[in-house]
C-alpha atoms as a PDB file:
ATOM      1  CA  MET A   1     151.633 133.636 127.110  1.00  0.00           C
ATOM      2  CA  THR A   2     150.349 137.173 127.363  1.00  0.00           C
ATOM      3  CA  LEU A   3     152.153 140.148 128.841  1.00  0.00           C
ATOM      4  CA  GLN A   4     150.740 140.179 132.366  1.00  0.00           C
ATOM      5  CA  PRO A   5     151.312 136.468 133.188  1.00  0.00           C
ATOM      6  CA  MET A   6     154.811 136.753 131.738  1.00  0.00           C
ATOM      7  CA  LEU A   7     155.559 139.780 133.925  1.00  0.00           C
ATOM      8  CA  ARG A   8     154.258 137.968 136.996  1.00  0.00           C
ATOM      9  CA  GLU A   9     156.072 134.711 136.286  1.00  0.00           C
ATOM     10  CA  HIS A  10     159.432 136.027 135.138  1.00  0.00           C
ATOM     11  CA  HIS A  11     159.695 139.371 136.918  1.00  0.00           C
ATOM     12  CA  GLY A  12     157.482 139.070 139.998  1.00  0.00           C
ATOM     13  CA  TYR A  13     155.254 141.957 138.878  1.00  0.00           C
ATOM     14  CA  VAL A  14     152.180 142.287 141.121  1.00  0.00           C
ATOM     15  CA  ARG A  15     150.400 145.401 139.831  1.00  0.00           C
ATOM     16  CA  SER A  16     147.526 145.460 137.342  1.00  0.00           C
ATOM     17  CA  TYR A  17     147.729 145.191 133.569  1.00  0.00           C
ATOM     18  CA  ASP A  18     146.328 148.725 133.287  1.00  0.00           C
ATOM     19  CA  ALA A  19     149.288 149.981 135.313  1.00  0.00           C
ATOM     20  CA  VAL A  20     151.611 148.366 132.758  1.00  0.00           C
ATOM     21  CA  ARG A  21     149.743 150.021 129.897  1.00  0.00           C
ATOM     22  CA  ARG A  22     149.891 153.447 131.595  1.00  0.00           C
ATOM     23  CA  HIS A  23     153.619 153.015 132.266  1.00  0.00           C
ATOM     24  CA  VAL A  24     154.338 152.052 128.651  1.00  0.00           C
ATOM     25  CA  ARG A  25     152.264 154.968 127.333  1.00  0.00           C
ATOM     26  CA  THR A  26     154.134 157.497 129.495  1.00  0.00           C
ATOM     27  CA  ARG A  27     157.634 156.064 128.988  1.00  0.00           C
ATOM     28  CA  PHE A  28     157.384 155.134 125.290  1.00  0.00           C
ATOM     29  CA  PRO A  29     154.921 157.524 123.603  1.00  0.00           C
ATOM     30  CA  GLU A  30     156.403 157.041 120.108  1.00  0.00           C
ATOM     31  CA  PHE A  31     155.947 153.290 120.315  1.00  0.00           C
ATOM     32  CA  CYS A  32     152.332 153.691 121.385  1.00  0.00           C
ATOM     33  CA  ARG A  33     151.623 156.133 118.591  1.00  0.00           C
ATOM     34  CA  LYS A  34     153.010 154.200 115.670  1.00  0.00           C
ATOM     35  CA  GLY A  35     154.789 150.984 116.611  1.00  0.00           C
ATOM     36  CA  ALA A  36     152.301 149.047 118.669  1.00  0.00           C
ATOM     37  CA  GLN A  37     149.424 149.281 116.202  1.00  0.00           C
ATOM     38  CA  GLN A  38     151.400 148.409 113.078  1.00  0.00           C
ATOM     39  CA  MET A  39     152.296 144.769 112.776  1.00  0.00           C
ATOM     40  CA  THR A  40     153.340 143.971 109.238  1.00  0.00           C
ATOM     41  CA  PRO A  41     150.979 141.661 107.372  1.00  0.00           C
ATOM     42  CA  VAL A  42     153.751 139.154 106.709  1.00  0.00           C
ATOM     43  CA  ALA A  43     154.856 138.900 110.351  1.00  0.00           C
ATOM     44  CA  GLY A  44     151.260 138.838 111.544  1.00  0.00           C
ATOM     45  CA  ALA A  45     150.316 136.020 109.192  1.00  0.00           C
ATOM     46  CA  ILE A  46     153.328 133.919 110.141  1.00  0.00           C
ATOM     47  CA  ALA A  47     152.797 134.584 113.869  1.00  0.00           C
ATOM     48  CA  ARG A  48     149.153 133.526 113.629  1.00  0.00           C
ATOM     49  CA  ARG A  49     150.180 130.309 111.867  1.00  0.00           C
ATOM     50  CA  ALA A  50     152.801 129.581 114.562  1.00  0.00           C
ATOM     51  CA  GLN A  51     150.472 130.293 117.496  1.00  0.00           C
ATOM     52  CA  PRO A  52     149.096 126.733 117.930  1.00  0.00           C
ATOM     53  CA  LEU A  53     152.565 125.120 117.794  1.00  0.00           C
ATOM     54  CA  PRO A  54     153.321 123.382 121.123  1.00  0.00           C
ATOM     55  CA  ILE A  55     156.765 124.944 121.628  1.00  0.00           C
ATOM     56  CA  ALA A  56     158.150 127.649 123.890  1.00  0.00           C
ATOM     57  CA  PRO A  57     157.495 131.276 122.822  1.00  0.00           C
ATOM     58  CA  LYS A  58     161.216 131.979 122.503  1.00  0.00           C
ATOM     59  CA  LEU A  59     161.577 129.110 120.040  1.00  0.00           C
ATOM     60  CA  LYS A  60     158.521 130.302 118.130  1.00  0.00           C
ATOM     61  CA  PHE A  61     160.233 133.656 117.756  1.00  0.00           C
ATOM     62  CA  LEU A  62     163.196 131.921 116.134  1.00  0.00           C
ATOM     63  CA  PHE A  63     160.827 130.293 113.647  1.00  0.00           C
ATOM     64  CA  VAL A  64     158.731 133.405 112.998  1.00  0.00           C
ATOM     65  CA  ALA A  65     161.299 136.209 112.818  1.00  0.00           C
ATOM     66  CA  PRO A  66     163.557 135.087 109.924  1.00  0.00           C
ATOM     67  CA  PRO A  67     160.740 134.269 107.479  1.00  0.00           C
ATOM     68  CA  ALA A  68     158.871 137.415 108.538  1.00  0.00           C
ATOM     69  CA  VAL A  69     161.866 139.639 107.798  1.00  0.00           C
ATOM     70  CA  ALA A  70     162.640 137.874 104.529  1.00  0.00           C
ATOM     71  CA  GLY A  71     158.985 137.920 103.517  1.00  0.00           C
ATOM     72  CA  SER A  72     158.621 141.610 104.321  1.00  0.00           C
ATOM     73  CA  PHE A  73     161.674 142.534 102.272  1.00  0.00           C
ATOM     74  CA  GLY A  74     160.533 140.249  99.454  1.00  0.00           C
ATOM     75  CA  LEU A  75     157.072 141.803  99.424  1.00  0.00           C
ATOM     76  CA  ALA A  76     158.579 145.307  99.471  1.00  0.00           C
ATOM     77  CA  TRP A  77     160.880 144.415  96.585  1.00  0.00           C
ATOM     78  CA  LEU A  78     157.969 143.046  94.569  1.00  0.00           C
ATOM     79  CA  LEU A  79     155.835 146.115  95.262  1.00  0.00           C
ATOM     80  CA  THR A  80     158.578 148.501  94.208  1.00  0.00           C
ATOM     81  CA  HIS A  81     159.070 146.628  90.947  1.00  0.00           C
ATOM     82  CA  VAL A  82     155.414 146.664  89.887  1.00  0.00           C
ATOM     83  CA  PRO A  83     154.885 149.454  87.341  1.00  0.00           C
ATOM     84  CA  GLY A  84     153.048 152.409  88.838  1.00  0.00           C
ATOM     85  CA  ILE A  85     153.256 151.260  92.478  1.00  0.00           C
ATOM     86  CA  LYS A  86     156.647 152.861  93.088  1.00  0.00           C
ATOM     87  CA  ARG A  87     155.140 156.328  92.538  1.00  0.00           C
ATOM     88  CA  VAL A  88     152.451 155.676  95.169  1.00  0.00           C
ATOM     89  CA  LEU A  89     154.813 154.286  97.794  1.00  0.00           C
END
């Protein structure tokens, strides 16, 4: 489910998707600048794998979030323990 159908179904939102984007950009400029464009590779990979699963999005979140967090921290730990990488990061 994408953002606009979810807004219409759950919140009765009737305006256009562009109106939502403009509202988010004006109300949350920091998120638009750095947060929205930066999905971690671990979370993105797990989310793409979970996309075809025939379960509700809220349940998918429960399956995606814990391994994504653990995987991100594990990857960060590995990168900081590789000789020479710690100086770059």
